[in-house]
Amino acid sequence: YSDLTYDYSEDTSPGSAFAADLAAY
């Protein structure tokens, strides 16, 4: 989740994303 809202415009909004990790050891 990222909230970089910086002005008075209704065109900007916080953004969110989903991601996955894969690992081996």
PDBML (XML) file of the C-alpha atoms, coordinates in Angstrom:
<?xml version="1.0" encoding="UTF-8" ?>
<PDBx:datablock datablockName="MODEL"
   xmlns:PDBx="http://pdbml.pdb.org/schema/pdbx-v50.xsd"
   xmlns:xsi="http://www.w3.org/2001/XMLSchema-instance"
   xsi:schemaLocation="http://pdbml.pdb.org/schema/pdbx-v50.xsd pdbx-v50.xsd">
   <PDBx:atom_siteCategory>
      <PDBx:atom_site id="1">
         <PDBx:B_iso_or_equiv>0.00</PDBx:B_iso_or_equiv>
         <PDBx:Cartn_x>0.000</PDBx:Cartn_x>
         <PDBx:Cartn_y>0.000</PDBx:Cartn_y>
         <PDBx:Cartn_z>0.000</PDBx:Cartn_z>
         <PDBx:auth_asym_id>A</PDBx:auth_asym_id>
         <PDBx:auth_atom_id>CA</PDBx:auth_atom_id>
         <PDBx:auth_comp_id>TYR</PDBx:auth_comp_id>
         <PDBx:auth_seq_id>1</PDBx:auth_seq_id>
         <PDBx:group_PDB>ATOM</PDBx:group_PDB>
         <PDBx:label_alt_id xsi:nil="true" />
         <PDBx:label_asym_id>A</PDBx:label_asym_id>
         <PDBx:label_atom_id>CA</PDBx:label_atom_id>
         <PDBx:label_comp_id>TYR</PDBx:label_comp_id>
         <PDBx:label_entity_id>1</PDBx:label_entity_id>
         <PDBx:label_seq_id>1</PDBx:label_seq_id>
         <PDBx:occupancy>1.00</PDBx:occupancy>
         <PDBx:pdbx_PDB_model_num>1</PDBx:pdbx_PDB_model_num>
         <PDBx:type_symbol>C</PDBx:type_symbol>
      </PDBx:atom_site>
      <PDBx:atom_site id="2">
         <PDBx:B_iso_or_equiv>0.00</PDBx:B_iso_or_equiv>
         <PDBx:Cartn_x>1.328</PDBx:Cartn_x>
         <PDBx:Cartn_y>3.431</PDBx:Cartn_y>
         <PDBx:Cartn_z>-0.954</PDBx:Cartn_z>
         <PDBx:auth_asym_id>A</PDBx:auth_asym_id>
         <PDBx:auth_atom_id>CA</PDBx:auth_atom_id>
         <PDBx:auth_comp_id>SER</PDBx:auth_comp_id>
         <PDBx:auth_seq_id>2</PDBx:auth_seq_id>
         <PDBx:group_PDB>ATOM</PDBx:group_PDB>
         <PDBx:label_alt_id xsi:nil="true" />
         <PDBx:label_asym_id>A</PDBx:label_asym_id>
         <PDBx:label_atom_id>CA</PDBx:label_atom_id>
         <PDBx:label_comp_id>SER</PDBx:label_comp_id>
         <PDBx:label_entity_id>1</PDBx:label_entity_id>
         <PDBx:label_seq_id>2</PDBx:label_seq_id>
         <PDBx:occupancy>1.00</PDBx:occupancy>
         <PDBx:pdbx_PDB_model_num>1</PDBx:pdbx_PDB_model_num>
         <PDBx:type_symbol>C</PDBx:type_symbol>
      </PDBx:atom_site>
      <PDBx:atom_site id="3">
         <PDBx:B_iso_or_equiv>0.00</PDBx:B_iso_or_equiv>
         <PDBx:Cartn_x>-0.250</PDBx:Cartn_x>
         <PDBx:Cartn_y>6.785</PDBx:Cartn_y>
         <PDBx:Cartn_z>-0.059</PDBx:Cartn_z>
         <PDBx:auth_asym_id>A</PDBx:auth_asym_id>
         <PDBx:auth_atom_id>CA</PDBx:auth_atom_id>
         <PDBx:auth_comp_id>ASP</PDBx:auth_comp_id>
         <PDBx:auth_seq_id>3</PDBx:auth_seq_id>
         <PDBx:group_PDB>ATOM</PDBx:group_PDB>
         <PDBx:label_alt_id xsi:nil="true" />
         <PDBx:label_asym_id>A</PDBx:label_asym_id>
         <PDBx:label_atom_id>CA</PDBx:label_atom_id>
         <PDBx:label_comp_id>ASP</PDBx:label_comp_id>
         <PDBx:label_entity_id>1</PDBx:label_entity_id>
         <PDBx:label_seq_id>3</PDBx:label_seq_id>
         <PDBx:occupancy>1.00</PDBx:occupancy>
         <PDBx:pdbx_PDB_model_num>1</PDBx:pdbx_PDB_model_num>
         <PDBx:type_symbol>C</PDBx:type_symbol>
      </PDBx:atom_site>
      <PDBx:atom_site id="4">
         <PDBx:B_iso_or_equiv>0.00</PDBx:B_iso_or_equiv>
         <PDBx:Cartn_x>1.561</PDBx:Cartn_x>
         <PDBx:Cartn_y>9.585</PDBx:Cartn_y>
         <PDBx:Cartn_z>-1.897</PDBx:Cartn_z>
         <PDBx:auth_asym_id>A</PDBx:auth_asym_id>
         <PDBx:auth_atom_id>CA</PDBx:auth_atom_id>
         <PDBx:auth_comp_id>LEU</PDBx:auth_comp_id>
         <PDBx:auth_seq_id>4</PDBx:auth_seq_id>
         <PDBx:group_PDB>ATOM</PDBx:group_PDB>
         <PDBx:label_alt_id xsi:nil="true" />
         <PDBx:label_asym_id>A</PDBx:label_asym_id>
         <PDBx:label_atom_id>CA</PDBx:label_atom_id>
         <PDBx:label_comp_id>LEU</PDBx:label_comp_id>
         <PDBx:label_entity_id>1</PDBx:label_entity_id>
         <PDBx:label_seq_id>4</PDBx:label_seq_id>
         <PDBx:occupancy>1.00</PDBx:occupancy>
         <PDBx:pdbx_PDB_model_num>1</PDBx:pdbx_PDB_model_num>
         <PDBx:type_symbol>C</PDBx:type_symbol>
      </PDBx:atom_site>
      <PDBx:atom_site id="5">
         <PDBx:B_iso_or_equiv>0.00</PDBx:B_iso_or_equiv>
         <PDBx:Cartn_x>-1.459</PDBx:Cartn_x>
         <PDBx:Cartn_y>11.893</PDBx:Cartn_y>
         <PDBx:Cartn_z>-2.270</PDBx:Cartn_z>
         <PDBx:auth_asym_id>A</PDBx:auth_asym_id>
         <PDBx:auth_atom_id>CA</PDBx:auth_atom_id>
         <PDBx:auth_comp_id>THR</PDBx:auth_comp_id>
         <PDBx:auth_seq_id>5</PDBx:auth_seq_id>
         <PDBx:group_PDB>ATOM</PDBx:group_PDB>
         <PDBx:label_alt_id xsi:nil="true" />
         <PDBx:label_asym_id>A</PDBx:label_asym_id>
         <PDBx:label_atom_id>CA</PDBx:label_atom_id>
         <PDBx:label_comp_id>THR</PDBx:label_comp_id>
         <PDBx:label_entity_id>1</PDBx:label_entity_id>
         <PDBx:label_seq_id>5</PDBx:label_seq_id>
         <PDBx:occupancy>1.00</PDBx:occupancy>
         <PDBx:pdbx_PDB_model_num>1</PDBx:pdbx_PDB_model_num>
         <PDBx:type_symbol>C</PDBx:type_symbol>
      </PDBx:atom_site>
      <PDBx:atom_site id="6">
         <PDBx:B_iso_or_equiv>0.00</PDBx:B_iso_or_equiv>
         <PDBx:Cartn_x>-0.012</PDBx:Cartn_x>
         <PDBx:Cartn_y>15.367</PDBx:Cartn_y>
         <PDBx:Cartn_z>-2.572</PDBx:Cartn_z>
         <PDBx:auth_asym_id>A</PDBx:auth_asym_id>
         <PDBx:auth_atom_id>CA</PDBx:auth_atom_id>
         <PDBx:auth_comp_id>TYR</PDBx:auth_comp_id>
         <PDBx:auth_seq_id>6</PDBx:auth_seq_id>
         <PDBx:group_PDB>ATOM</PDBx:group_PDB>
         <PDBx:label_alt_id xsi:nil="true" />
         <PDBx:label_asym_id>A</PDBx:label_asym_id>
         <PDBx:label_atom_id>CA</PDBx:label_atom_id>
         <PDBx:label_comp_id>TYR</PDBx:label_comp_id>
         <PDBx:label_entity_id>1</PDBx:label_entity_id>
         <PDBx:label_seq_id>6</PDBx:label_seq_id>
         <PDBx:occupancy>1.00</PDBx:occupancy>
         <PDBx:pdbx_PDB_model_num>1</PDBx:pdbx_PDB_model_num>
         <PDBx:type_symbol>C</PDBx:type_symbol>
      </PDBx:atom_site>
      <PDBx:atom_site id="7">
         <PDBx:B_iso_or_equiv>0.00</PDBx:B_iso_or_equiv>
         <PDBx:Cartn_x>-2.592</PDBx:Cartn_x>
         <PDBx:Cartn_y>17.786</PDBx:Cartn_y>
         <PDBx:Cartn_z>-3.965</PDBx:Cartn_z>
         <PDBx:auth_asym_id>A</PDBx:auth_asym_id>
         <PDBx:auth_atom_id>CA</PDBx:auth_atom_id>
         <PDBx:auth_comp_id>ASP</PDBx:auth_comp_id>
         <PDBx:auth_seq_id>7</PDBx:auth_seq_id>
         <PDBx:group_PDB>ATOM</PDBx:group_PDB>
         <PDBx:label_alt_id xsi:nil="true" />
         <PDBx:label_asym_id>A</PDBx:label_asym_id>
         <PDBx:label_atom_id>CA</PDBx:label_atom_id>
         <PDBx:label_comp_id>ASP</PDBx:label_comp_id>
         <PDBx:label_entity_id>1</PDBx:label_entity_id>
         <PDBx:label_seq_id>7</PDBx:label_seq_id>
         <PDBx:occupancy>1.00</PDBx:occupancy>
         <PDBx:pdbx_PDB_model_num>1</PDBx:pdbx_PDB_model_num>
         <PDBx:type_symbol>C</PDBx:type_symbol>
      </PDBx:atom_site>
      <PDBx:atom_site id="8">
         <PDBx:B_iso_or_equiv>0.00</PDBx:B_iso_or_equiv>
         <PDBx:Cartn_x>-6.230</PDBx:Cartn_x>
         <PDBx:Cartn_y>18.792</PDBx:Cartn_y>
         <PDBx:Cartn_z>-3.790</PDBx:Cartn_z>
         <PDBx:auth_asym_id>A</PDBx:auth_asym_id>
         <PDBx:auth_atom_id>CA</PDBx:auth_atom_id>
         <PDBx:auth_comp_id>TYR</PDBx:auth_comp_id>
         <PDBx:auth_seq_id>8</PDBx:auth_seq_id>
         <PDBx:group_PDB>ATOM</PDBx:group_PDB>
         <PDBx:label_alt_id xsi:nil="true" />
         <PDBx:label_asym_id>A</PDBx:label_asym_id>
         <PDBx:label_atom_id>CA</PDBx:label_atom_id>
         <PDBx:label_comp_id>TYR</PDBx:label_comp_id>
         <PDBx:label_entity_id>1</PDBx:label_entity_id>
         <PDBx:label_seq_id>8</PDBx:label_seq_id>
         <PDBx:occupancy>1.00</PDBx:occupancy>
         <PDBx:pdbx_PDB_model_num>1</PDBx:pdbx_PDB_model_num>
         <PDBx:type_symbol>C</PDBx:type_symbol>
      </PDBx:atom_site>
      <PDBx:atom_site id="9">
         <PDBx:B_iso_or_equiv>0.00</PDBx:B_iso_or_equiv>
         <PDBx:Cartn_x>-7.243</PDBx:Cartn_x>
         <PDBx:Cartn_y>16.984</PDBx:Cartn_y>
         <PDBx:Cartn_z>-6.960</PDBx:Cartn_z>
         <PDBx:auth_asym_id>A</PDBx:auth_asym_id>
         <PDBx:auth_atom_id>CA</PDBx:auth_atom_id>
         <PDBx:auth_comp_id>SER</PDBx:auth_comp_id>
         <PDBx:auth_seq_id>9</PDBx:auth_seq_id>
         <PDBx:group_PDB>ATOM</PDBx:group_PDB>
         <PDBx:label_alt_id xsi:nil="true" />
         <PDBx:label_asym_id>A</PDBx:label_asym_id>
         <PDBx:label_atom_id>CA</PDBx:label_atom_id>
         <PDBx:label_comp_id>SER</PDBx:label_comp_id>
         <PDBx:label_entity_id>1</PDBx:label_entity_id>
         <PDBx:label_seq_id>9</PDBx:label_seq_id>
         <PDBx:occupancy>1.00</PDBx:occupancy>
         <PDBx:pdbx_PDB_model_num>1</PDBx:pdbx_PDB_model_num>
         <PDBx:type_symbol>C</PDBx:type_symbol>
      </PDBx:atom_site>
      <PDBx:atom_site id="10">
         <PDBx:B_iso_or_equiv>0.00</PDBx:B_iso_or_equiv>
         <PDBx:Cartn_x>-9.685</PDBx:Cartn_x>
         <PDBx:Cartn_y>14.114</PDBx:Cartn_y>
         <PDBx:Cartn_z>-6.853</PDBx:Cartn_z>
         <PDBx:auth_asym_id>A</PDBx:auth_asym_id>
         <PDBx:auth_atom_id>CA</PDBx:auth_atom_id>
         <PDBx:auth_comp_id>GLU</PDBx:auth_comp_id>
         <PDBx:auth_seq_id>10</PDBx:auth_seq_id>
         <PDBx:group_PDB>ATOM</PDBx:group_PDB>
         <PDBx:label_alt_id xsi:nil="true" />
         <PDBx:label_asym_id>A</PDBx:label_asym_id>
         <PDBx:label_atom_id>CA</PDBx:label_atom_id>
         <PDBx:label_comp_id>GLU</PDBx:label_comp_id>
         <PDBx:label_entity_id>1</PDBx:label_entity_id>
         <PDBx:label_seq_id>10</PDBx:label_seq_id>
         <PDBx:occupancy>1.00</PDBx:occupancy>
         <PDBx:pdbx_PDB_model_num>1</PDBx:pdbx_PDB_model_num>
         <PDBx:type_symbol>C</PDBx:type_symbol>
      </PDBx:atom_site>
      <PDBx:atom_site id="11">
         <PDBx:B_iso_or_equiv>0.00</PDBx:B_iso_or_equiv>
         <PDBx:Cartn_x>-7.640</PDBx:Cartn_x>
         <PDBx:Cartn_y>12.442</PDBx:Cartn_y>
         <PDBx:Cartn_z>-9.599</PDBx:Cartn_z>
         <PDBx:auth_asym_id>A</PDBx:auth_asym_id>
         <PDBx:auth_atom_id>CA</PDBx:auth_atom_id>
         <PDBx:auth_comp_id>ASP</PDBx:auth_comp_id>
         <PDBx:auth_seq_id>11</PDBx:auth_seq_id>
         <PDBx:group_PDB>ATOM</PDBx:group_PDB>
         <PDBx:label_alt_id xsi:nil="true" />
         <PDBx:label_asym_id>A</PDBx:label_asym_id>
         <PDBx:label_atom_id>CA</PDBx:label_atom_id>
         <PDBx:label_comp_id>ASP</PDBx:label_comp_id>
         <PDBx:label_entity_id>1</PDBx:label_entity_id>
         <PDBx:label_seq_id>11</PDBx:label_seq_id>
         <PDBx:occupancy>1.00</PDBx:occupancy>
         <PDBx:pdbx_PDB_model_num>1</PDBx:pdbx_PDB_model_num>
         <PDBx:type_symbol>C</PDBx:type_symbol>
      </PDBx:atom_site>
      <PDBx:atom_site id="12">
         <PDBx:B_iso_or_equiv>0.00</PDBx:B_iso_or_equiv>
         <PDBx:Cartn_x>-4.990</PDBx:Cartn_x>
         <PDBx:Cartn_y>11.195</PDBx:Cartn_y>
         <PDBx:Cartn_z>-7.179</PDBx:Cartn_z>
         <PDBx:auth_asym_id>A</PDBx:auth_asym_id>
         <PDBx:auth_atom_id>CA</PDBx:auth_atom_id>
         <PDBx:auth_comp_id>THR</PDBx:auth_comp_id>
         <PDBx:auth_seq_id>12</PDBx:auth_seq_id>
         <PDBx:group_PDB>ATOM</PDBx:group_PDB>
         <PDBx:label_alt_id xsi:nil="true" />
         <PDBx:label_asym_id>A</PDBx:label_asym_id>
         <PDBx:label_atom_id>CA</PDBx:label_atom_id>
         <PDBx:label_comp_id>THR</PDBx:label_comp_id>
         <PDBx:label_entity_id>1</PDBx:label_entity_id>
         <PDBx:label_seq_id>12</PDBx:label_seq_id>
         <PDBx:occupancy>1.00</PDBx:occupancy>
         <PDBx:pdbx_PDB_model_num>1</PDBx:pdbx_PDB_model_num>
         <PDBx:type_symbol>C</PDBx:type_symbol>
      </PDBx:atom_site>
      <PDBx:atom_site id="13">
         <PDBx:B_iso_or_equiv>0.00</PDBx:B_iso_or_equiv>
         <PDBx:Cartn_x>-5.524</PDBx:Cartn_x>
         <PDBx:Cartn_y>8.340</PDBx:Cartn_y>
         <PDBx:Cartn_z>-4.774</PDBx:Cartn_z>
         <PDBx:auth_asym_id>A</PDBx:auth_asym_id>
         <PDBx:auth_atom_id>CA</PDBx:auth_atom_id>
         <PDBx:auth_comp_id>SER</PDBx:auth_comp_id>
         <PDBx:auth_seq_id>13</PDBx:auth_seq_id>
         <PDBx:group_PDB>ATOM</PDBx:group_PDB>
         <PDBx:label_alt_id xsi:nil="true" />
         <PDBx:label_asym_id>A</PDBx:label_asym_id>
         <PDBx:label_atom_id>CA</PDBx:label_atom_id>
         <PDBx:label_comp_id>SER</PDBx:label_comp_id>
         <PDBx:label_entity_id>1</PDBx:label_entity_id>
         <PDBx:label_seq_id>13</PDBx:label_seq_id>
         <PDBx:occupancy>1.00</PDBx:occupancy>
         <PDBx:pdbx_PDB_model_num>1</PDBx:pdbx_PDB_model_num>
         <PDBx:type_symbol>C</PDBx:type_symbol>
      </PDBx:atom_site>
      <PDBx:atom_site id="14">
         <PDBx:B_iso_or_equiv>0.00</PDBx:B_iso_or_equiv>
         <PDBx:Cartn_x>-3.470</PDBx:Cartn_x>
         <PDBx:Cartn_y>5.826</PDBx:Cartn_y>
         <PDBx:Cartn_z>-2.790</PDBx:Cartn_z>
         <PDBx:auth_asym_id>A</PDBx:auth_asym_id>
         <PDBx:auth_atom_id>CA</PDBx:auth_atom_id>
         <PDBx:auth_comp_id>PRO</PDBx:auth_comp_id>
         <PDBx:auth_seq_id>14</PDBx:auth_seq_id>
         <PDBx:group_PDB>ATOM</PDBx:group_PDB>
         <PDBx:label_alt_id xsi:nil="true" />
         <PDBx:label_asym_id>A</PDBx:label_asym_id>
         <PDBx:label_atom_id>CA</PDBx:label_atom_id>
         <PDBx:label_comp_id>PRO</PDBx:label_comp_id>
         <PDBx:label_entity_id>1</PDBx:label_entity_id>
         <PDBx:label_seq_id>14</PDBx:label_seq_id>
         <PDBx:occupancy>1.00</PDBx:occupancy>
         <PDBx:pdbx_PDB_model_num>1</PDBx:pdbx_PDB_model_num>
         <PDBx:type_symbol>C</PDBx:type_symbol>
      </PDBx:atom_site>
      <PDBx:atom_site id="15">
         <PDBx:B_iso_or_equiv>0.00</PDBx:B_iso_or_equiv>
         <PDBx:Cartn_x>-2.328</PDBx:Cartn_x>
         <PDBx:Cartn_y>2.742</PDBx:Cartn_y>
         <PDBx:Cartn_z>-4.675</PDBx:Cartn_z>
         <PDBx:auth_asym_id>A</PDBx:auth_asym_id>
         <PDBx:auth_atom_id>CA</PDBx:auth_atom_id>
         <PDBx:auth_comp_id>GLY</PDBx:auth_comp_id>
         <PDBx:auth_seq_id>15</PDBx:auth_seq_id>
         <PDBx:group_PDB>ATOM</PDBx:group_PDB>
         <PDBx:label_alt_id xsi:nil="true" />
         <PDBx:label_asym_id>A</PDBx:label_asym_id>
         <PDBx:label_atom_id>CA</PDBx:label_atom_id>
         <PDBx:label_comp_id>GLY</PDBx:label_comp_id>
         <PDBx:label_entity_id>1</PDBx:label_entity_id>
         <PDBx:label_seq_id>15</PDBx:label_seq_id>
         <PDBx:occupancy>1.00</PDBx:occupancy>
         <PDBx:pdbx_PDB_model_num>1</PDBx:pdbx_PDB_model_num>
         <PDBx:type_symbol>C</PDBx:type_symbol>
      </PDBx:atom_site>
      <PDBx:atom_site id="16">
         <PDBx:B_iso_or_equiv>0.00</PDBx:B_iso_or_equiv>
         <PDBx:Cartn_x>-2.153</PDBx:Cartn_x>
         <PDBx:Cartn_y>-0.903</PDBx:Cartn_y>
         <PDBx:Cartn_z>-3.692</PDBx:Cartn_z>
         <PDBx:auth_asym_id>A</PDBx:auth_asym_id>
         <PDBx:auth_atom_id>CA</PDBx:auth_atom_id>
         <PDBx:auth_comp_id>SER</PDBx:auth_comp_id>
         <PDBx:auth_seq_id>16</PDBx:auth_seq_id>
         <PDBx:group_PDB>ATOM</PDBx:group_PDB>
         <PDBx:label_alt_id xsi:nil="true" />
         <PDBx:label_asym_id>A</PDBx:label_asym_id>
         <PDBx:label_atom_id>CA</PDBx:label_atom_id>
         <PDBx:label_comp_id>SER</PDBx:label_comp_id>
         <PDBx:label_entity_id>1</PDBx:label_entity_id>
         <PDBx:label_seq_id>16</PDBx:label_seq_id>
         <PDBx:occupancy>1.00</PDBx:occupancy>
         <PDBx:pdbx_PDB_model_num>1</PDBx:pdbx_PDB_model_num>
         <PDBx:type_symbol>C</PDBx:type_symbol>
      </PDBx:atom_site>
      <PDBx:atom_site id="17">
         <PDBx:B_iso_or_equiv>0.00</PDBx:B_iso_or_equiv>
         <PDBx:Cartn_x>-0.793</PDBx:Cartn_x>
         <PDBx:Cartn_y>-4.100</PDBx:Cartn_y>
         <PDBx:Cartn_z>-5.194</PDBx:Cartn_z>
         <PDBx:auth_asym_id>A</PDBx:auth_asym_id>
         <PDBx:auth_atom_id>CA</PDBx:auth_atom_id>
         <PDBx:auth_comp_id>ALA</PDBx:auth_comp_id>
         <PDBx:auth_seq_id>17</PDBx:auth_seq_id>
         <PDBx:group_PDB>ATOM</PDBx:group_PDB>
         <PDBx:label_alt_id xsi:nil="true" />
         <PDBx:label_asym_id>A</PDBx:label_asym_id>
         <PDBx:label_atom_id>CA</PDBx:label_atom_id>
         <PDBx:label_comp_id>ALA</PDBx:label_comp_id>
         <PDBx:label_entity_id>1</PDBx:label_entity_id>
         <PDBx:label_seq_id>17</PDBx:label_seq_id>
         <PDBx:occupancy>1.00</PDBx:occupancy>
         <PDBx:pdbx_PDB_model_num>1</PDBx:pdbx_PDB_model_num>
         <PDBx:type_symbol>C</PDBx:type_symbol>
      </PDBx:atom_site>
      <PDBx:atom_site id="18">
         <PDBx:B_iso_or_equiv>0.00</PDBx:B_iso_or_equiv>
         <PDBx:Cartn_x>-0.560</PDBx:Cartn_x>
         <PDBx:Cartn_y>-7.814</PDBx:Cartn_y>
         <PDBx:Cartn_z>-4.467</PDBx:Cartn_z>
         <PDBx:auth_asym_id>A</PDBx:auth_asym_id>
         <PDBx:auth_atom_id>CA</PDBx:auth_atom_id>
         <PDBx:auth_comp_id>PHE</PDBx:auth_comp_id>
         <PDBx:auth_seq_id>18</PDBx:auth_seq_id>
         <PDBx:group_PDB>ATOM</PDBx:group_PDB>
         <PDBx:label_alt_id xsi:nil="true" />
         <PDBx:label_asym_id>A</PDBx:label_asym_id>
         <PDBx:label_atom_id>CA</PDBx:label_atom_id>
         <PDBx:label_comp_id>PHE</PDBx:label_comp_id>
         <PDBx:label_entity_id>1</PDBx:label_entity_id>
         <PDBx:label_seq_id>18</PDBx:label_seq_id>
         <PDBx:occupancy>1.00</PDBx:occupancy>
         <PDBx:pdbx_PDB_model_num>1</PDBx:pdbx_PDB_model_num>
         <PDBx:type_symbol>C</PDBx:type_symbol>
      </PDBx:atom_site>
      <PDBx:atom_site id="19">
         <PDBx:B_iso_or_equiv>0.00</PDBx:B_iso_or_equiv>
         <PDBx:Cartn_x>2.607</PDBx:Cartn_x>
         <PDBx:Cartn_y>-9.813</PDBx:Cartn_y>
         <PDBx:Cartn_z>-5.014</PDBx:Cartn_z>
         <PDBx:auth_asym_id>A</PDBx:auth_asym_id>
         <PDBx:auth_atom_id>CA</PDBx:auth_atom_id>
         <PDBx:auth_comp_id>ALA</PDBx:auth_comp_id>
         <PDBx:auth_seq_id>19</PDBx:auth_seq_id>
         <PDBx:group_PDB>ATOM</PDBx:group_PDB>
         <PDBx:label_alt_id xsi:nil="true" />
         <PDBx:label_asym_id>A</PDBx:label_asym_id>
         <PDBx:label_atom_id>CA</PDBx:label_atom_id>
         <PDBx:label_comp_id>ALA</PDBx:label_comp_id>
         <PDBx:label_entity_id>1</PDBx:label_entity_id>
         <PDBx:label_seq_id>19</PDBx:label_seq_id>
         <PDBx:occupancy>1.00</PDBx:occupancy>
         <PDBx:pdbx_PDB_model_num>1</PDBx:pdbx_PDB_model_num>
         <PDBx:type_symbol>C</PDBx:type_symbol>
      </PDBx:atom_site>
      <PDBx:atom_site id="20">
         <PDBx:B_iso_or_equiv>0.00</PDBx:B_iso_or_equiv>
         <PDBx:Cartn_x>4.138</PDBx:Cartn_x>
         <PDBx:Cartn_y>-13.247</PDBx:Cartn_y>
         <PDBx:Cartn_z>-4.444</PDBx:Cartn_z>
         <PDBx:auth_asym_id>A</PDBx:auth_asym_id>
         <PDBx:auth_atom_id>CA</PDBx:auth_atom_id>
         <PDBx:auth_comp_id>ALA</PDBx:auth_comp_id>
         <PDBx:auth_seq_id>20</PDBx:auth_seq_id>
         <PDBx:group_PDB>ATOM</PDBx:group_PDB>
         <PDBx:label_alt_id xsi:nil="true" />
         <PDBx:label_asym_id>A</PDBx:label_asym_id>
         <PDBx:label_atom_id>CA</PDBx:label_atom_id>
         <PDBx:label_comp_id>ALA</PDBx:label_comp_id>
         <PDBx:label_entity_id>1</PDBx:label_entity_id>
         <PDBx:label_seq_id>20</PDBx:label_seq_id>
         <PDBx:occupancy>1.00</PDBx:occupancy>
         <PDBx:pdbx_PDB_model_num>1</PDBx:pdbx_PDB_model_num>
         <PDBx:type_symbol>C</PDBx:type_symbol>
      </PDBx:atom_site>
      <PDBx:atom_site id="21">
         <PDBx:B_iso_or_equiv>0.00</PDBx:B_iso_or_equiv>
         <PDBx:Cartn_x>7.604</PDBx:Cartn_x>
         <PDBx:Cartn_y>-14.471</PDBx:Cartn_y>
         <PDBx:Cartn_z>-3.486</PDBx:Cartn_z>
         <PDBx:auth_asym_id>A</PDBx:auth_asym_id>
         <PDBx:auth_atom_id>CA</PDBx:auth_atom_id>
         <PDBx:auth_comp_id>ASP</PDBx:auth_comp_id>
         <PDBx:auth_seq_id>21</PDBx:auth_seq_id>
         <PDBx:group_PDB>ATOM</PDBx:group_PDB>
         <PDBx:label_alt_id xsi:nil="true" />
         <PDBx:label_asym_id>A</PDBx:label_asym_id>
         <PDBx:label_atom_id>CA</PDBx:label_atom_id>
         <PDBx:label_comp_id>ASP</PDBx:label_comp_id>
         <PDBx:label_entity_id>1</PDBx:label_entity_id>
         <PDBx:label_seq_id>21</PDBx:label_seq_id>
         <PDBx:occupancy>1.00</PDBx:occupancy>
         <PDBx:pdbx_PDB_model_num>1</PDBx:pdbx_PDB_model_num>
         <PDBx:type_symbol>C</PDBx:type_symbol>
      </PDBx:atom_site>
      <PDBx:atom_site id="22">
         <PDBx:B_iso_or_equiv>0.00</PDBx:B_iso_or_equiv>
         <PDBx:Cartn_x>9.339</PDBx:Cartn_x>
         <PDBx:Cartn_y>-17.707</PDBx:Cartn_y>
         <PDBx:Cartn_z>-4.496</PDBx:Cartn_z>
         <PDBx:auth_asym_id>A</PDBx:auth_asym_id>
         <PDBx:auth_atom_id>CA</PDBx:auth_atom_id>
         <PDBx:auth_comp_id>LEU</PDBx:auth_comp_id>
         <PDBx:auth_seq_id>22</PDBx:auth_seq_id>
         <PDBx:group_PDB>ATOM</PDBx:group_PDB>
         <PDBx:label_alt_id xsi:nil="true" />
         <PDBx:label_asym_id>A</PDBx:label_asym_id>
         <PDBx:label_atom_id>CA</PDBx:label_atom_id>
         <PDBx:label_comp_id>LEU</PDBx:label_comp_id>
         <PDBx:label_entity_id>1</PDBx:label_entity_id>
         <PDBx:label_seq_id>22</PDBx:label_seq_id>
         <PDBx:occupancy>1.00</PDBx:occupancy>
         <PDBx:pdbx_PDB_model_num>1</PDBx:pdbx_PDB_model_num>
         <PDBx:type_symbol>C</PDBx:type_symbol>
      </PDBx:atom_site>
      <PDBx:atom_site id="23">
         <PDBx:B_iso_or_equiv>0.00</PDBx:B_iso_or_equiv>
         <PDBx:Cartn_x>12.524</PDBx:Cartn_x>
         <PDBx:Cartn_y>-18.877</PDBx:Cartn_y>
         <PDBx:Cartn_z>-2.791</PDBx:Cartn_z>
         <PDBx:auth_asym_id>A</PDBx:auth_asym_id>
         <PDBx:auth_atom_id>CA</PDBx:auth_atom_id>
         <PDBx:auth_comp_id>ALA</PDBx:auth_comp_id>
         <PDBx:auth_seq_id>23</PDBx:auth_seq_id>
         <PDBx:group_PDB>ATOM</PDBx:group_PDB>
         <PDBx:label_alt_id xsi:nil="true" />
         <PDBx:label_asym_id>A</PDBx:label_asym_id>
         <PDBx:label_atom_id>CA</PDBx:label_atom_id>
         <PDBx:label_comp_id>ALA</PDBx:label_comp_id>
         <PDBx:label_entity_id>1</PDBx:label_entity_id>
         <PDBx:label_seq_id>23</PDBx:label_seq_id>
         <PDBx:occupancy>1.00</PDBx:occupancy>
         <PDBx:pdbx_PDB_model_num>1</PDBx:pdbx_PDB_model_num>
         <PDBx:type_symbol>C</PDBx:type_symbol>
      </PDBx:atom_site>
      <PDBx:atom_site id="24">
         <PDBx:B_iso_or_equiv>0.00</PDBx:B_iso_or_equiv>
         <PDBx:Cartn_x>14.911</PDBx:Cartn_x>
         <PDBx:Cartn_y>-21.827</PDBx:Cartn_y>
         <PDBx:Cartn_z>-2.496</PDBx:Cartn_z>
         <PDBx:auth_asym_id>A</PDBx:auth_asym_id>
         <PDBx:auth_atom_id>CA</PDBx:auth_atom_id>
         <PDBx:auth_comp_id>ALA</PDBx:auth_comp_id>
         <PDBx:auth_seq_id>24</PDBx:auth_seq_id>
         <PDBx:group_PDB>ATOM</PDBx:group_PDB>
         <PDBx:label_alt_id xsi:nil="true" />
         <PDBx:label_asym_id>A</PDBx:label_asym_id>
         <PDBx:label_atom_id>CA</PDBx:label_atom_id>
         <PDBx:label_comp_id>ALA</PDBx:label_comp_id>
         <PDBx:label_entity_id>1</PDBx:label_entity_id>
         <PDBx:label_seq_id>24</PDBx:label_seq_id>
         <PDBx:occupancy>1.00</PDBx:occupancy>
         <PDBx:pdbx_PDB_model_num>1</PDBx:pdbx_PDB_model_num>
         <PDBx:type_symbol>C</PDBx:type_symbol>
      </PDBx:atom_site>
      <PDBx:atom_site id="25">
         <PDBx:B_iso_or_equiv>0.00</PDBx:B_iso_or_equiv>
         <PDBx:Cartn_x>17.805</PDBx:Cartn_x>
         <PDBx:Cartn_y>-22.567</PDBx:Cartn_y>
         <PDBx:Cartn_z>-0.170</PDBx:Cartn_z>
         <PDBx:auth_asym_id>A</PDBx:auth_asym_id>
         <PDBx:auth_atom_id>CA</PDBx:auth_atom_id>
         <PDBx:auth_comp_id>TYR</PDBx:auth_comp_id>
         <PDBx:auth_seq_id>25</PDBx:auth_seq_id>
         <PDBx:group_PDB>ATOM</PDBx:group_PDB>
         <PDBx:label_alt_id xsi:nil="true" />
         <PDBx:label_asym_id>A</PDBx:label_asym_id>
         <PDBx:label_atom_id>CA</PDBx:label_atom_id>
         <PDBx:label_comp_id>TYR</PDBx:label_comp_id>
         <PDBx:label_entity_id>1</PDBx:label_entity_id>
         <PDBx:label_seq_id>25</PDBx:label_seq_id>
         <PDBx:occupancy>1.00</PDBx:occupancy>
         <PDBx:pdbx_PDB_model_num>1</PDBx:pdbx_PDB_model_num>
         <PDBx:type_symbol>C</PDBx:type_symbol>
      </PDBx:atom_site>
   </PDBx:atom_siteCategory>
</PDBx:datablock>
